[in-house]
Amino acid sequence: MSLDPGTILSIIDLVQRAVAIYKCIDDLPQQMAQLGKRMETLNVFLVSFSAFVKDYPRSTQKQDLTLYLKNIEENVDQVHELFDRYQKGIVSRSHDLELRFRWATSLWYSLIDNSPEKIQAIMDEIEHYTTMLNNYMTLELLRLTQAALKPKPKPKPAPQTAASKPKPSPTQPPQPGANPNARIVTVNPKPPRPTTPNPPPPTTPAAPRLLTPPRSLSILIIDPSNTGRSIQAEALLRLLAHRFPRFPLTKIHSAGFFVRDPAPDSCAALIANLDYALPTFQKPFTPSGAPPQPEALAGVFDLGGDAIPDVRKAFEGRGSRGVRRGLFGYDFVAVFTKRELVNLGKLRKAVGGGARAKVVHLGDYKGEGFREIGVPTKSRGGKEDWEKKAREICTALEGFLRKEVGWVPPVQAVKDGTLAVA
């Protein structure tokens, strides 16, 4: 193995293939789900390290860095093999024995071949070598920064030559018949007297410069039923738009992926006939017009949004909606789980056209923690649980607005505590 961008890109490709399989499996054991998230983080790190390697490593350090990468590659290969075998339900490639039921596969991976201890050991080893590479990058950048800040020695002045010596000022030559002992006066020629230009004609005062209005962006938030999480996200964004006149999202809607909408441009027929990646990715349809869950609305408006009654009233009177063929005409389409992310990818191919929408997983903007933004369980789906869900969605939306839209709330509004949700 050599330390070059091509080698690192091959490891990145292997990581991305492992992540692709991980995203298609809906019922992973906890340890394997954590392993999949670790692969996503490793992918981001290796992309940065690949760009770093192009310019900075010194020849004396390449041997150690190559060793670290080799160990990471071996662990990633194990992870890819693990996810691949789990998805296909194959116990052993040598015996090619397939398990009939998913629960049997899960049990086998949990208790026999890949215990939590073994998976944890893989994650620990990846973490160790990733930390070593990250420490190297930090120290190398520090070294380069110190070298750049070190003051450069001042250049020595060049010795004067005959050509560079200053010439004496011209003197007035002696006149014929003048006293030879008379003092010679140095004559400094006067500079020409500047001519006063004509004053410029009066000009019309420039018009005051107006601030450029923010660009208008649109977003569609999708969950299965359009009665819970998507309603909360839409309400939070509308509260921000109501609070801040220059809010960049001017078109904010939500919809349910498995809501049967009677509109002529409904996608219900296309959705019913999609080739779903897993059986669990398909859910039964619900009719449109269902009211929002009261606990979900209370989770948003009882946190501070109740100060804007018009927004709450509008949501209390609305019904669930399905997705329509123009959904990819929005600037952003936001989802909460990998199931919806995969389903939307298949629907996009079925709808066709060159629509511009960027499909985003809001869980990617939460920071630390589990990526999915799920529904509160039925046994715990009360008001407090939906308040926690509203805070989780609010955190994700703040990250989304900062990263994708380039918007943060004005500092004074944060200091005053006048944001819709604390």
Protein backbone atom coordinates (compact mmCIF):
# COMPACT_ATOMS: atom_id res chain seq x y z
CA MET A 1 0.00 0.00 0.00
CA SER A 2 1.23 3.48 -0.86
CA LEU A 3 0.23 6.79 0.67
CA ASP A 4 -1.47 8.64 -2.17
CA PRO A 5 -4.95 10.03 -2.87
CA GLY A 6 -5.81 7.02 -5.06
CA THR A 7 -5.24 4.61 -2.19
CA ILE A 8 -7.35 6.68 0.18
CA LEU A 9 -10.13 6.99 -2.41
CA SER A 10 -10.28 3.19 -2.70
CA ILE A 11 -10.80 2.97 1.07
CA ILE A 12 -13.44 5.72 0.86
CA ASP A 13 -15.23 3.73 -1.84
CA LEU A 14 -15.27 0.66 0.42
CA VAL A 15 -16.60 2.75 3.32
CA GLN A 16 -19.34 4.23 1.14
CA ARG A 17 -20.41 0.78 -0.06
CA ALA A 18 -20.67 -0.35 3.56
CA VAL A 19 -22.71 2.76 4.41
CA ALA A 20 -25.02 2.15 1.42
CA ILE A 21 -25.82 -1.34 2.72
CA TYR A 22 -26.25 -0.02 6.27
CA LYS A 23 -28.82 2.55 5.11
CA CYS A 24 -30.91 -0.15 3.42
CA ILE A 25 -31.22 -2.35 6.53
CA ASP A 26 -34.13 -1.30 8.71
CA ASP A 27 -33.79 -3.62 11.72
CA LEU A 28 -30.13 -3.72 12.67
CA PRO A 29 -29.07 -4.74 16.20
CA GLN A 30 -27.93 -1.80 18.29
CA GLN A 31 -24.20 -2.51 18.02
CA MET A 32 -24.35 -2.86 14.23
CA ALA A 33 -26.36 0.37 13.95
CA GLN A 34 -23.62 2.14 15.92
CA LEU A 35 -21.06 0.58 13.60
CA GLY A 36 -22.94 1.97 10.58
CA LYS A 37 -22.93 5.46 12.07
CA ARG A 38 -19.19 5.12 12.73
CA MET A 39 -18.71 4.33 9.04
CA GLU A 40 -20.54 7.52 8.07
CA THR A 41 -18.24 9.56 10.33
CA LEU A 42 -15.17 7.76 8.98
CA ASN A 43 -16.23 8.59 5.41
CA VAL A 44 -16.26 12.33 6.19
CA PHE A 45 -12.86 12.12 7.90
CA LEU A 46 -11.18 10.19 5.08
CA VAL A 47 -12.39 12.68 2.48
CA SER A 48 -10.69 15.48 4.47
CA PHE A 49 -7.56 13.39 4.98
CA SER A 50 -7.36 12.68 1.23
CA ALA A 51 -7.25 16.42 0.49
CA PHE A 52 -4.63 16.89 3.22
CA VAL A 53 -2.36 14.14 1.87
CA LYS A 54 -2.02 15.85 -1.52
CA ASP A 55 0.17 18.63 -0.09
CA TYR A 56 1.46 18.14 3.41
CA PRO A 57 2.98 14.77 4.44
CA ARG A 58 6.76 14.61 4.62
CA SER A 59 8.56 11.54 3.29
CA THR A 60 9.81 10.57 6.77
CA GLN A 61 6.22 10.24 8.03
CA LYS A 62 4.62 8.40 5.14
CA GLN A 63 5.56 4.97 6.47
CA ASP A 64 3.63 5.47 9.73
CA LEU A 65 0.63 7.02 7.97
CA THR A 66 0.53 4.12 5.50
CA LEU A 67 0.45 1.66 8.41
CA TYR A 68 -2.48 3.48 10.03
CA LEU A 69 -4.41 3.49 6.75
CA LYS A 70 -3.74 -0.20 6.18
CA ASN A 71 -5.21 -1.07 9.58
CA ILE A 72 -8.26 1.11 8.88
CA GLU A 73 -8.73 -0.59 5.50
CA GLU A 74 -8.64 -4.05 7.10
CA ASN A 75 -11.29 -3.04 9.63
CA VAL A 76 -13.49 -1.41 7.00
CA ASP A 77 -13.29 -4.58 4.93
CA GLN A 78 -14.58 -6.55 7.93
CA VAL A 79 -17.44 -4.07 8.40
CA HIS A 80 -18.43 -4.24 4.72
CA GLU A 81 -18.40 -8.05 4.87
CA LEU A 82 -20.49 -7.98 8.04
CA PHE A 83 -23.19 -5.70 6.61
CA ASP A 84 -23.22 -7.55 3.30
CA ARG A 85 -23.71 -10.93 4.98
CA TYR A 86 -26.34 -9.56 7.34
CA GLN A 87 -28.38 -8.03 4.51
CA LYS A 88 -28.28 -11.24 2.48
CA GLY A 89 -28.90 -13.44 5.51
CA ILE A 90 -25.88 -15.62 4.74
CA VAL A 91 -24.26 -17.29 7.72
CA SER A 92 -21.11 -18.45 5.97
CA ARG A 93 -19.88 -17.75 2.45
CA SER A 94 -18.18 -21.16 2.42
CA HIS A 95 -21.43 -23.03 3.14
CA ASP A 96 -23.69 -20.48 1.40
CA LEU A 97 -26.48 -21.16 3.89
CA GLU A 98 -29.29 -18.62 3.84
CA LEU A 99 -31.51 -18.00 6.83
CA ARG A 100 -35.21 -17.90 6.08
CA PHE A 101 -36.27 -15.42 8.72
CA ARG A 102 -34.81 -12.05 9.58
CA TRP A 103 -35.10 -12.70 13.31
CA ALA A 104 -32.87 -15.75 12.93
CA THR A 105 -30.23 -13.64 11.19
CA SER A 106 -30.40 -11.04 13.95
CA LEU A 107 -30.13 -13.70 16.66
CA TRP A 108 -27.18 -15.35 14.95
CA TYR A 109 -25.27 -12.11 14.57
CA SER A 110 -26.06 -11.10 18.14
CA LEU A 111 -24.99 -14.30 19.86
CA ILE A 112 -22.57 -16.32 17.76
CA ASP A 113 -20.29 -14.99 15.04
CA ASN A 114 -20.36 -11.27 15.72
CA SER A 115 -20.92 -10.58 19.39
CA PRO A 116 -21.25 -7.03 20.70
CA GLU A 117 -17.73 -7.38 22.08
CA LYS A 118 -16.32 -8.22 18.65
CA ILE A 119 -18.13 -5.33 16.96
CA GLN A 120 -17.01 -2.98 19.74
CA ALA A 121 -13.42 -4.12 19.21
CA ILE A 122 -13.68 -3.21 15.51
CA MET A 123 -15.05 0.24 16.37
CA ASP A 124 -12.36 0.80 18.99
CA GLU A 125 -9.59 -0.10 16.55
CA ILE A 126 -11.01 2.19 13.85
CA GLU A 127 -11.30 4.97 16.45
CA HIS A 128 -7.68 4.42 17.53
CA TYR A 129 -6.14 4.71 14.06
CA THR A 130 -8.47 7.56 13.07
CA THR A 131 -7.33 9.45 16.17
CA MET A 132 -3.68 8.85 15.22
CA LEU A 133 -4.28 10.28 11.73
CA ASN A 134 -6.21 13.22 13.14
CA ASN A 135 -3.45 13.98 15.65
CA TYR A 136 -0.91 13.92 12.83
CA MET A 137 -2.94 16.41 10.77
CA THR A 138 -3.30 18.71 13.79
CA LEU A 139 0.43 18.68 14.57
CA GLU A 140 1.43 19.13 10.93
CA LEU A 141 -0.89 22.11 10.49
CA LEU A 142 0.46 23.59 13.73
CA ARG A 143 4.01 23.21 12.44
CA LEU A 144 3.11 24.90 9.16
CA THR A 145 1.32 27.71 11.00
CA GLN A 146 4.31 28.37 13.24
CA ALA A 147 6.62 28.40 10.23
CA ALA A 148 4.36 30.92 8.48
CA LEU A 149 4.25 33.19 11.56
CA LYS A 150 8.02 33.13 12.17
CA PRO A 151 9.42 36.61 11.33
CA LYS A 152 11.62 36.68 8.28
CA PRO A 153 15.15 38.24 8.62
CA LYS A 154 15.45 41.73 7.16
CA PRO A 155 17.54 41.83 3.97
CA LYS A 156 20.93 43.59 4.24
CA PRO A 157 21.16 46.89 2.32
CA ALA A 158 23.06 46.58 -0.95
CA PRO A 159 26.46 48.42 -1.09
CA GLN A 160 26.39 51.74 -2.92
CA THR A 161 27.96 51.91 -6.35
CA ALA A 162 29.05 54.92 -8.35
CA ALA A 163 25.85 54.79 -10.32
CA SER A 164 23.71 54.60 -7.19
CA LYS A 165 25.37 57.52 -5.33
CA PRO A 166 23.21 60.67 -5.20
CA LYS A 167 24.23 63.34 -7.66
CA PRO A 168 25.08 66.85 -6.33
CA SER A 169 22.61 69.62 -6.95
CA PRO A 170 23.37 71.81 -9.97
CA THR A 171 25.16 75.12 -9.22
CA GLN A 172 25.03 78.44 -11.05
CA PRO A 173 28.24 78.80 -13.15
CA PRO A 174 30.41 81.94 -12.57
CA GLN A 175 29.75 84.83 -14.95
CA PRO A 176 32.62 86.35 -17.00
CA GLY A 177 34.42 89.13 -15.08
CA ALA A 178 32.91 88.09 -11.77
CA ASN A 179 34.94 87.91 -8.59
CA PRO A 180 36.45 84.42 -8.50
CA ASN A 181 36.31 84.45 -4.70
CA ALA A 182 32.58 85.13 -4.70
CA ARG A 183 30.39 82.54 -2.99
CA ILE A 184 28.67 80.14 -5.35
CA VAL A 185 24.94 79.91 -4.70
CA THR A 186 23.16 76.65 -5.32
CA VAL A 187 20.12 77.14 -7.53
CA ASN A 188 17.10 74.92 -6.91
CA PRO A 189 14.68 75.22 -9.79
CA LYS A 190 11.14 76.02 -8.71
CA PRO A 191 8.49 73.52 -9.68
CA PRO A 192 5.97 74.73 -12.23
CA ARG A 193 2.98 76.46 -10.79
CA PRO A 194 0.00 74.17 -11.02
CA THR A 195 -2.89 75.41 -13.02
CA THR A 196 -6.25 75.39 -11.33
CA PRO A 197 -8.61 73.11 -13.25
CA ASN A 198 -12.13 74.14 -13.92
CA PRO A 199 -14.43 73.06 -11.09
CA PRO A 200 -16.45 69.94 -11.92
CA PRO A 201 -20.08 70.46 -12.82
CA PRO A 202 -22.57 69.88 -10.02
CA THR A 203 -23.76 66.28 -9.88
CA THR A 204 -27.05 64.82 -8.75
CA PRO A 205 -26.75 63.20 -5.30
CA ALA A 206 -26.67 59.41 -5.50
CA ALA A 207 -29.84 57.64 -4.51
CA PRO A 208 -29.66 55.86 -1.16
CA ARG A 209 -28.54 52.23 -1.55
CA LEU A 210 -31.21 49.73 -0.64
CA LEU A 211 -30.41 46.41 0.99
CA THR A 212 -30.74 43.47 -1.39
CA PRO A 213 -33.72 41.37 -0.32
CA PRO A 214 -32.88 37.77 0.63
CA ARG A 215 -33.39 35.06 -1.96
CA SER A 216 -36.71 33.25 -1.67
CA LEU A 217 -36.38 29.52 -1.02
CA SER A 218 -38.94 26.76 -0.63
CA ILE A 219 -39.09 23.58 1.45
CA LEU A 220 -41.39 20.56 1.66
CA ILE A 221 -41.21 18.40 4.81
CA ILE A 222 -42.33 14.78 4.48
CA ASP A 223 -43.18 12.00 6.92
CA PRO A 224 -45.56 9.04 6.39
CA SER A 225 -48.86 10.54 7.67
CA ASN A 226 -48.45 14.34 7.86
CA THR A 227 -49.98 14.51 11.34
CA GLY A 228 -46.95 14.59 13.65
CA ARG A 229 -43.28 15.33 12.92
CA SER A 230 -43.82 17.07 9.56
CA ILE A 231 -46.50 19.26 11.14
CA GLN A 232 -44.13 20.21 13.96
CA ALA A 233 -41.32 21.06 11.54
CA GLU A 234 -43.62 23.15 9.32
CA ALA A 235 -45.01 24.99 12.36
CA LEU A 236 -41.53 25.77 13.70
CA LEU A 237 -40.42 27.19 10.35
CA ARG A 238 -43.60 29.25 9.97
CA LEU A 239 -43.09 30.69 13.45
CA LEU A 240 -39.58 31.75 12.44
CA ALA A 241 -40.91 33.27 9.21
CA HIS A 242 -43.54 35.18 11.20
CA ARG A 243 -40.93 36.42 13.70
CA PHE A 244 -38.24 37.47 11.17
CA PRO A 245 -39.43 39.44 8.10
CA ARG A 246 -36.29 38.60 6.10
CA PHE A 247 -36.52 34.85 6.73
CA PRO A 248 -35.23 33.14 3.54
CA LEU A 249 -37.77 30.29 3.42
CA THR A 250 -40.86 31.90 1.94
CA LYS A 251 -42.67 28.74 0.81
CA ILE A 252 -43.07 26.20 3.64
CA HIS A 253 -45.25 23.10 3.22
CA SER A 254 -45.51 19.56 4.58
CA ALA A 255 -47.02 16.32 3.26
CA GLY A 256 -47.43 12.62 4.04
CA PHE A 257 -45.71 10.04 1.83
CA PHE A 258 -48.42 7.43 2.47
CA VAL A 259 -51.42 9.80 2.40
CA ARG A 260 -53.85 9.12 -0.45
CA ASP A 261 -54.52 12.57 -1.88
CA PRO A 262 -57.51 12.93 -4.26
CA ALA A 263 -55.77 15.68 -6.26
CA PRO A 264 -55.28 14.86 -9.97
CA ASP A 265 -51.50 15.30 -9.67
CA SER A 266 -51.22 13.01 -6.66
CA CYS A 267 -48.28 10.59 -6.49
CA ALA A 268 -50.31 7.92 -4.66
CA ALA A 269 -50.43 5.56 -7.65
CA LEU A 270 -46.69 5.86 -8.24
CA ILE A 271 -45.97 5.32 -4.54
CA ALA A 272 -48.17 2.22 -4.41
CA ASN A 273 -46.17 0.62 -7.23
CA LEU A 274 -42.62 1.51 -6.14
CA ASP A 275 -40.01 -1.24 -5.93
CA TYR A 276 -39.33 -0.86 -2.21
CA ALA A 277 -35.85 -1.71 -0.92
CA LEU A 278 -37.35 -3.59 2.04
CA PRO A 279 -40.91 -4.69 2.87
CA THR A 280 -40.82 -2.55 6.02
CA PHE A 281 -40.24 0.55 3.88
CA GLN A 282 -43.82 0.35 2.59
CA LYS A 283 -46.71 1.41 4.83
CA PRO A 284 -50.49 1.33 4.35
CA PHE A 285 -52.10 4.47 2.94
CA THR A 286 -54.24 6.76 5.09
CA PRO A 287 -56.90 9.12 3.69
CA SER A 288 -56.13 12.81 3.40
CA GLY A 289 -57.77 15.37 5.67
CA ALA A 290 -56.74 13.82 9.00
CA PRO A 291 -56.22 16.49 11.70
CA PRO A 292 -52.81 16.99 13.31
CA GLN A 293 -52.14 15.13 16.55
CA PRO A 294 -53.07 17.51 19.39
CA GLU A 295 -50.00 16.48 21.41
CA ALA A 296 -47.74 17.27 18.46
CA LEU A 297 -49.20 20.77 18.10
CA ALA A 298 -49.04 21.36 21.84
CA GLY A 299 -45.40 20.25 21.79
CA VAL A 300 -44.62 23.23 19.54
CA PHE A 301 -46.98 25.98 20.59
CA ASP A 302 -46.82 25.43 24.34
CA LEU A 303 -43.05 26.04 24.16
CA GLY A 304 -43.53 29.69 23.24
CA GLY A 305 -45.22 29.68 19.87
CA ASP A 306 -48.61 30.29 21.48
CA ALA A 307 -47.74 34.00 21.41
CA ILE A 308 -48.61 33.92 17.69
CA PRO A 309 -52.22 32.63 17.75
CA ASP A 310 -52.82 33.03 14.01
CA VAL A 311 -50.21 30.38 13.20
CA ARG A 312 -51.61 27.92 15.73
CA LYS A 313 -55.15 28.47 14.53
CA ALA A 314 -54.13 27.77 10.93
CA PHE A 315 -52.62 24.41 11.92
CA GLU A 316 -55.54 23.37 14.10
CA GLY A 317 -57.86 23.74 11.13
CA ARG A 318 -55.79 21.94 8.48
CA GLY A 319 -55.88 18.30 7.35
CA SER A 320 -53.19 15.90 6.19
CA ARG A 321 -52.02 16.10 2.57
CA GLY A 322 -50.29 13.68 0.23
CA VAL A 323 -47.30 14.30 -2.00
CA ARG A 324 -47.87 15.54 -5.53
CA ARG A 325 -45.87 15.41 -8.73
CA GLY A 326 -44.42 18.87 -8.22
CA LEU A 327 -42.73 17.95 -4.94
CA PHE A 328 -39.24 17.97 -6.48
CA GLY A 329 -39.79 21.52 -7.71
CA TYR A 330 -39.08 22.78 -4.18
CA ASP A 331 -35.57 23.89 -3.33
CA PHE A 332 -35.45 21.41 -0.44
CA VAL A 333 -37.35 18.26 0.47
CA ALA A 334 -36.68 17.28 4.09
CA VAL A 335 -37.25 13.87 5.74
CA PHE A 336 -36.69 12.36 9.18
CA THR A 337 -35.52 8.76 8.56
CA LYS A 338 -33.41 6.76 6.12
CA ARG A 339 -36.57 4.89 5.06
CA GLU A 340 -38.08 8.10 3.69
CA LEU A 341 -34.73 9.07 2.16
CA VAL A 342 -34.56 5.80 0.19
CA ASN A 343 -38.25 5.93 -0.75
CA LEU A 344 -37.92 9.47 -2.10
CA GLY A 345 -34.96 8.42 -4.22
CA LYS A 346 -37.12 5.77 -5.88
CA LEU A 347 -40.06 8.17 -6.28
CA ARG A 348 -37.78 10.73 -7.92
CA LYS A 349 -36.87 8.21 -10.60
CA ALA A 350 -40.54 7.33 -11.09
CA VAL A 351 -41.62 10.98 -11.41
CA GLY A 352 -38.76 11.81 -13.81
CA GLY A 353 -37.86 15.25 -15.07
CA GLY A 354 -35.00 17.54 -14.16
CA ALA A 355 -36.40 18.88 -10.89
CA ARG A 356 -33.98 20.86 -8.74
CA ALA A 357 -34.91 19.75 -5.20
CA LYS A 358 -32.17 18.76 -2.76
CA VAL A 359 -33.43 15.94 -0.54
CA VAL A 360 -32.02 16.25 3.00
CA HIS A 361 -32.16 14.06 6.11
CA LEU A 362 -32.81 16.45 8.99
CA GLY A 363 -31.11 14.04 11.37
CA ASP A 364 -27.80 14.93 9.70
CA TYR A 365 -27.98 18.42 11.22
CA LYS A 366 -28.58 17.45 14.86
CA GLY A 367 -24.92 17.12 15.72
CA GLU A 368 -24.12 14.28 18.09
CA GLY A 369 -26.53 11.44 18.78
CA PHE A 370 -28.70 9.01 16.84
CA ARG A 371 -29.35 10.15 13.29
CA GLU A 372 -33.01 9.13 12.94
CA ILE A 373 -35.79 11.43 14.15
CA GLY A 374 -38.44 8.83 14.95
CA VAL A 375 -42.00 9.00 16.24
CA PRO A 376 -42.56 8.82 20.01
CA THR A 377 -43.69 5.32 20.94
CA LYS A 378 -47.41 4.77 21.53
CA SER A 379 -46.85 4.14 25.23
CA ARG A 380 -44.87 7.40 25.61
CA GLY A 381 -46.50 9.56 22.96
CA GLY A 382 -47.87 12.15 25.36
CA LYS A 383 -47.41 15.89 25.48
CA GLU A 384 -43.98 15.73 27.17
CA ASP A 385 -42.67 13.31 24.55
CA TRP A 386 -43.85 15.55 21.72
CA GLU A 387 -42.26 18.56 23.45
CA LYS A 388 -38.93 16.67 23.42
CA LYS A 389 -39.53 15.80 19.78
CA ALA A 390 -40.18 19.47 18.96
CA ARG A 391 -36.86 20.43 20.60
CA GLU A 392 -35.06 17.71 18.66
CA ILE A 393 -36.59 18.88 15.38
CA CYS A 394 -35.85 22.51 16.26
CA THR A 395 -32.17 21.65 16.80
CA ALA A 396 -32.08 19.87 13.45
CA LEU A 397 -33.76 22.80 11.68
CA GLU A 398 -31.28 25.28 13.18
CA GLY A 399 -28.41 23.19 11.83
CA PHE A 400 -30.11 22.88 8.45
CA LEU A 401 -30.74 26.62 8.17
CA ARG A 402 -27.15 27.41 9.11
CA LYS A 403 -25.49 24.89 6.79
CA GLU A 404 -27.79 24.75 3.75
CA VAL A 405 -29.41 28.20 3.73
CA GLY A 406 -26.73 30.28 5.45
CA TRP A 407 -29.19 31.79 7.94
CA VAL A 408 -28.94 32.25 11.70
CA PRO A 409 -31.38 34.22 13.87
CA PRO A 410 -30.31 37.79 14.69
CA VAL A 411 -28.21 37.97 17.84
CA GLN A 412 -30.52 40.42 19.58
CA ALA A 413 -33.50 38.13 19.15
CA VAL A 414 -31.60 35.33 20.81
CA LYS A 415 -30.53 37.61 23.69
CA ASP A 416 -34.10 38.83 24.20
CA GLY A 417 -35.46 35.30 24.22
CA THR A 418 -38.06 36.21 21.61
CA LEU A 419 -37.47 33.19 19.38
CA ALA A 420 -40.52 30.99 18.93
CA VAL A 421 -38.85 28.01 20.59
CA ALA A 422 -36.16 28.28 23.25
